[in-house]
């Protein structure tokens, strides 16, 4: 169990830190996520201008979360006999990671085709078709799968694991509070998704940024505790 806890900790820490790298690159090179508030034609044109490097950056952003899957499973196996929520939390957490990955991969395998079609179109009908296709895949793959289901399942995993940590006294109290706080703030980011289909729906623009940032910090701290206190769950 000692080596398992250390491995789990390393996976959590490395994945959380690794996610920040492509995210930062997307922020600087593609003005993400602010670019999503622009009109679709601007998004597709900017994406096309980004070329292959932007496509690979999106791919990196999608797959850097893969190490979290075995980390979630290892935590679940370690705690499932001591905390009843742990096994269910593992299933929910892994599903959340997978659907978020699927949502992000649309930028690698779908959007490049639409962007090229839009930029090289010689008639307005083709441009309009590309715009409509982007909006459709964005609402389904991005809003519905990646952001709604993916984030909700991640929030549920976070809360369920925090409850398990509290029961087992596995984490310092302030770490548990950070987990709950990040999950609650992250939940408020769902309002922005409903605002895409319900006009005037109240939105806290910074909820997604603050929630996801606090969540990554919490994940790193949990990883540090697992890696440093090898005997804690043995």
Protein backbone atom coordinates (compact mmCIF):
# COMPACT_ATOMS: atom_id res chain seq x y z
CA UNK A 1 0.00 0.00 0.00
CA UNK A 2 2.91 2.35 0.62
CA UNK A 3 4.03 2.37 -3.00
CA UNK A 4 0.41 2.62 -4.20
CA UNK A 5 -0.19 5.74 -2.13
CA UNK A 6 3.00 7.32 -3.42
CA UNK A 7 2.06 6.47 -7.01
CA UNK A 8 -1.43 7.86 -6.50
CA UNK A 9 0.02 11.08 -5.12
CA UNK A 10 2.46 11.47 -8.00
CA UNK A 11 -0.31 10.89 -10.56
CA UNK A 12 -2.57 13.50 -8.94
CA UNK A 13 0.18 16.10 -8.66
CA UNK A 14 1.67 15.59 -12.13
CA UNK A 15 -1.74 15.57 -13.85
CA UNK A 16 -2.96 18.72 -12.11
CA UNK A 17 0.23 20.59 -12.95
CA UNK A 18 0.35 19.22 -16.50
CA UNK A 19 -3.19 20.48 -17.19
CA UNK A 20 -2.04 24.03 -16.51
CA UNK A 21 0.52 23.96 -19.34
CA UNK A 22 -1.78 23.52 -22.37
CA UNK A 23 -4.43 25.67 -20.67
CA UNK A 24 -1.92 28.52 -20.35
CA UNK A 25 -0.88 28.07 -23.98
CA UNK A 26 -4.50 28.19 -25.11
CA UNK A 27 -5.05 31.34 -23.07
CA UNK A 28 -2.11 33.11 -24.71
CA UNK A 29 -2.40 31.81 -28.27
CA UNK A 30 -6.17 31.40 -28.67
CA UNK A 31 -7.52 33.74 -25.97
CA UNK A 32 -9.38 30.80 -24.46
CA UNK A 33 -11.93 30.76 -22.87
CA UNK A 34 -12.84 34.36 -23.77
CA UNK A 35 -12.73 33.51 -27.49
CA UNK A 36 -15.87 31.40 -27.02
CA UNK A 37 -17.87 34.58 -26.40
CA UNK A 38 -16.98 35.85 -29.89
CA UNK A 39 -19.12 35.16 -32.94
CA UNK A 40 -18.65 31.74 -34.52
CA UNK A 41 -17.00 33.09 -37.66
CA UNK A 42 -14.29 34.74 -35.57
CA UNK A 43 -13.72 31.53 -33.60
CA UNK A 44 -13.33 29.43 -36.73
CA UNK A 45 -11.04 31.97 -38.41
CA UNK A 46 -8.82 32.28 -35.34
CA UNK A 47 -8.67 28.52 -34.99
CA UNK A 48 -7.62 28.09 -38.61
CA UNK A 49 -4.90 30.72 -38.13
CA UNK A 50 -3.55 28.74 -35.18
CA UNK A 51 -2.61 25.88 -37.49
CA UNK A 52 -1.30 22.49 -36.40
CA UNK A 53 0.28 23.83 -33.23
CA UNK A 54 -3.14 24.86 -31.92
CA UNK A 55 -4.59 21.47 -32.81
CA UNK A 56 -1.80 19.71 -30.88
CA UNK A 57 -2.27 22.06 -27.94
CA UNK A 58 -5.94 21.09 -27.73
CA UNK A 59 -4.97 17.43 -27.99
CA UNK A 60 -2.51 17.86 -25.11
CA UNK A 61 -5.18 19.61 -23.04
CA UNK A 62 -7.53 16.67 -23.60
CA UNK A 63 -5.14 13.82 -22.86
CA UNK A 64 -3.16 15.26 -19.94
CA UNK A 65 -6.07 14.22 -17.73
CA UNK A 66 -5.58 10.52 -18.56
CA UNK A 67 -3.28 9.82 -15.55
CA UNK A 68 -6.12 10.94 -13.29
CA UNK A 69 -8.10 7.84 -14.31
CA UNK A 70 -5.75 5.32 -12.63
CA UNK A 71 -5.31 7.76 -9.74
CA UNK A 72 -9.07 7.85 -9.13
CA UNK A 73 -9.24 4.04 -9.35
CA UNK A 74 -6.35 3.58 -6.92
CA UNK A 75 -7.89 5.97 -4.38
CA UNK A 76 -11.20 4.14 -4.68
CA UNK A 77 -9.60 0.73 -4.13
CA UNK A 78 -7.69 2.05 -1.13
CA UNK A 79 -10.75 3.51 0.58
CA UNK A 80 -13.71 1.43 -0.63
CA UNK A 81 -13.61 -0.99 2.33
CA UNK A 82 -13.52 1.88 4.82
CA UNK A 83 -15.82 4.44 3.22
CA UNK A 84 -18.95 3.31 1.39
CA UNK A 85 -19.01 6.32 -0.94
CA UNK A 86 -15.54 5.66 -2.34
CA UNK A 87 -16.50 2.94 -4.81
CA UNK A 88 -19.44 4.91 -6.23
CA UNK A 89 -17.30 8.04 -6.31
CA UNK A 90 -14.67 6.25 -8.40
CA UNK A 91 -17.20 5.28 -11.07
CA UNK A 92 -18.64 8.79 -11.18
CA UNK A 93 -15.20 10.39 -11.28
CA UNK A 94 -13.91 8.23 -14.12
CA UNK A 95 -17.06 8.87 -16.18
CA UNK A 96 -16.58 12.59 -15.58
CA UNK A 97 -13.00 12.47 -16.83
CA UNK A 98 -13.90 10.48 -19.94
CA UNK A 99 -16.77 12.73 -21.04
CA UNK A 100 -14.65 15.84 -20.48
CA UNK A 101 -11.95 14.26 -22.63
CA UNK A 102 -14.45 13.50 -25.39
CA UNK A 103 -15.70 17.07 -25.26
CA UNK A 104 -12.21 18.53 -25.54
CA UNK A 105 -11.17 16.23 -28.37
CA UNK A 106 -13.73 17.87 -30.66
CA UNK A 107 -11.17 20.68 -30.98
CA UNK A 108 -8.67 18.17 -32.38
CA UNK A 109 -10.81 16.04 -34.69
CA UNK A 110 -13.92 18.07 -35.57
CA UNK A 111 -13.28 21.81 -35.35
CA UNK A 112 -10.24 21.79 -37.72
CA UNK A 113 -12.47 20.44 -40.51
CA UNK A 114 -15.15 23.05 -39.86
CA UNK A 115 -12.59 25.85 -39.62
CA UNK A 116 -10.98 24.92 -42.94
CA UNK A 117 -14.38 24.64 -44.59
CA UNK A 118 -15.41 28.06 -43.29
CA UNK A 119 -12.21 29.85 -44.28
CA UNK A 120 -12.02 28.37 -47.79
CA UNK A 121 -15.75 28.57 -48.55
CA UNK A 122 -16.55 30.56 -51.68
CA UNK A 123 -20.24 30.98 -50.96
CA UNK A 124 -22.29 32.13 -47.99
CA UNK A 125 -24.31 28.92 -47.86
CA UNK A 126 -21.19 26.85 -47.11
CA UNK A 127 -20.04 29.35 -44.49
CA UNK A 128 -23.46 29.25 -42.87
CA UNK A 129 -23.38 25.44 -42.85
CA UNK A 130 -19.97 25.44 -41.17
CA UNK A 131 -21.18 27.92 -38.55
CA UNK A 132 -24.30 25.87 -37.81
CA UNK A 133 -22.26 22.67 -37.60
CA UNK A 134 -19.84 24.27 -35.16
CA UNK A 135 -22.66 25.57 -32.97
CA UNK A 136 -24.27 22.13 -32.93
CA UNK A 137 -21.10 20.19 -32.05
CA UNK A 138 -20.10 22.86 -29.54
CA UNK A 139 -23.43 22.65 -27.71
CA UNK A 140 -23.39 18.85 -27.72
CA UNK A 141 -19.73 17.95 -27.28
CA UNK A 142 -18.69 21.02 -25.32
CA UNK A 143 -21.62 22.34 -23.31
CA UNK A 144 -23.58 19.10 -22.78
CA UNK A 145 -20.83 16.49 -22.47
CA UNK A 146 -17.61 18.21 -21.48
CA UNK A 147 -18.84 21.08 -19.35
CA UNK A 148 -22.22 19.97 -18.01
CA UNK A 149 -21.91 16.22 -17.43
CA UNK A 150 -18.12 16.23 -17.10
CA UNK A 151 -18.05 19.02 -14.55
CA UNK A 152 -21.08 17.77 -12.63
CA UNK A 153 -19.55 14.31 -12.27
CA UNK A 154 -16.21 15.82 -11.23
CA UNK A 155 -17.97 17.97 -8.64
CA UNK A 156 -19.82 14.91 -7.33
CA UNK A 157 -16.56 12.93 -7.13
CA UNK A 158 -14.90 15.77 -5.24
CA UNK A 159 -17.70 16.04 -2.68
CA UNK A 160 -17.99 12.28 -2.20
CA UNK A 161 -14.25 11.85 -1.75
CA UNK A 162 -14.12 14.78 0.66
CA UNK A 163 -16.88 13.20 2.74
CA UNK A 164 -14.85 9.96 2.75
CA UNK A 165 -11.71 11.85 3.79
CA UNK A 166 -13.62 13.50 6.63
CA UNK A 167 -14.98 10.14 7.84
CA UNK A 168 -11.52 8.56 7.79
CA UNK A 169 -9.68 11.67 9.02
CA UNK A 170 -7.47 11.18 5.98
CA UNK A 171 -6.91 14.88 5.26
CA UNK A 172 -6.43 18.02 7.36
CA UNK A 173 -9.71 19.83 7.93
CA UNK A 174 -8.65 22.86 5.88
CA UNK A 175 -8.01 20.59 2.89
CA UNK A 176 -11.52 19.17 3.21
CA UNK A 177 -12.95 22.68 3.37
CA UNK A 178 -10.98 23.64 0.26
CA UNK A 179 -12.43 20.64 -1.58
CA UNK A 180 -16.00 21.55 -0.63
CA UNK A 181 -15.47 25.23 -1.45
CA UNK A 182 -13.98 24.50 -4.87
CA UNK A 183 -16.82 22.12 -5.70
CA UNK A 184 -19.51 24.62 -4.71
CA UNK A 185 -17.92 27.46 -6.70
CA UNK A 186 -17.40 25.10 -9.64
CA UNK A 187 -21.12 24.29 -9.47
CA UNK A 188 -22.01 27.95 -10.00
CA UNK A 189 -20.21 27.75 -13.36
CA UNK A 190 -23.10 25.62 -14.58
CA UNK A 191 -25.15 28.81 -14.79
CA UNK A 192 -23.15 29.91 -17.83
CA UNK A 193 -24.18 26.72 -19.61
CA UNK A 194 -27.87 27.32 -19.00
CA UNK A 195 -27.38 30.89 -20.19
CA UNK A 196 -26.54 29.52 -23.65
CA UNK A 197 -30.15 28.36 -24.03
CA UNK A 198 -32.09 30.51 -21.52
CA UNK A 199 -31.77 34.23 -22.18
CA UNK A 200 -31.15 36.33 -19.10
CA UNK A 201 -30.12 33.38 -16.91
CA UNK A 202 -27.97 34.85 -14.08
CA UNK A 203 -24.27 34.12 -14.53
CA UNK A 204 -21.15 34.55 -12.38
CA UNK A 205 -18.51 34.87 -15.09
CA UNK A 206 -15.55 34.00 -12.85
CA UNK A 207 -17.10 30.90 -11.25
CA UNK A 208 -15.50 28.53 -13.76
CA UNK A 209 -12.05 30.07 -13.39
CA UNK A 210 -12.11 30.25 -9.59
CA UNK A 211 -13.75 26.85 -9.19
CA UNK A 212 -11.40 24.98 -11.52
CA UNK A 213 -8.31 26.73 -10.13
CA UNK A 214 -9.21 25.94 -6.52
CA UNK A 215 -10.04 22.38 -7.55
CA UNK A 216 -6.61 21.89 -9.14
CA UNK A 217 -4.95 23.31 -6.02
CA UNK A 218 -7.01 20.93 -3.87
CA UNK A 219 -6.06 18.00 -6.13
CA UNK A 220 -2.36 18.83 -5.84
CA UNK A 221 -2.60 19.05 -2.04
CA UNK A 222 -4.43 15.72 -1.85
CA UNK A 223 -1.67 14.25 -4.01
CA UNK A 224 0.99 15.65 -1.71
CA UNK A 225 -0.72 14.12 1.33
CA UNK A 226 -1.00 10.73 -0.38
CA UNK A 227 2.62 10.81 -1.56
CA UNK A 228 4.03 12.04 1.74
CA UNK A 229 2.02 10.06 4.29
CA UNK A 230 2.50 6.55 3.00
CA UNK A 231 1.24 4.83 6.11
CA UNK A 232 -1.89 6.91 6.43
CA UNK A 233 -4.23 4.54 4.59
CA UNK A 234 -2.36 1.28 5.09
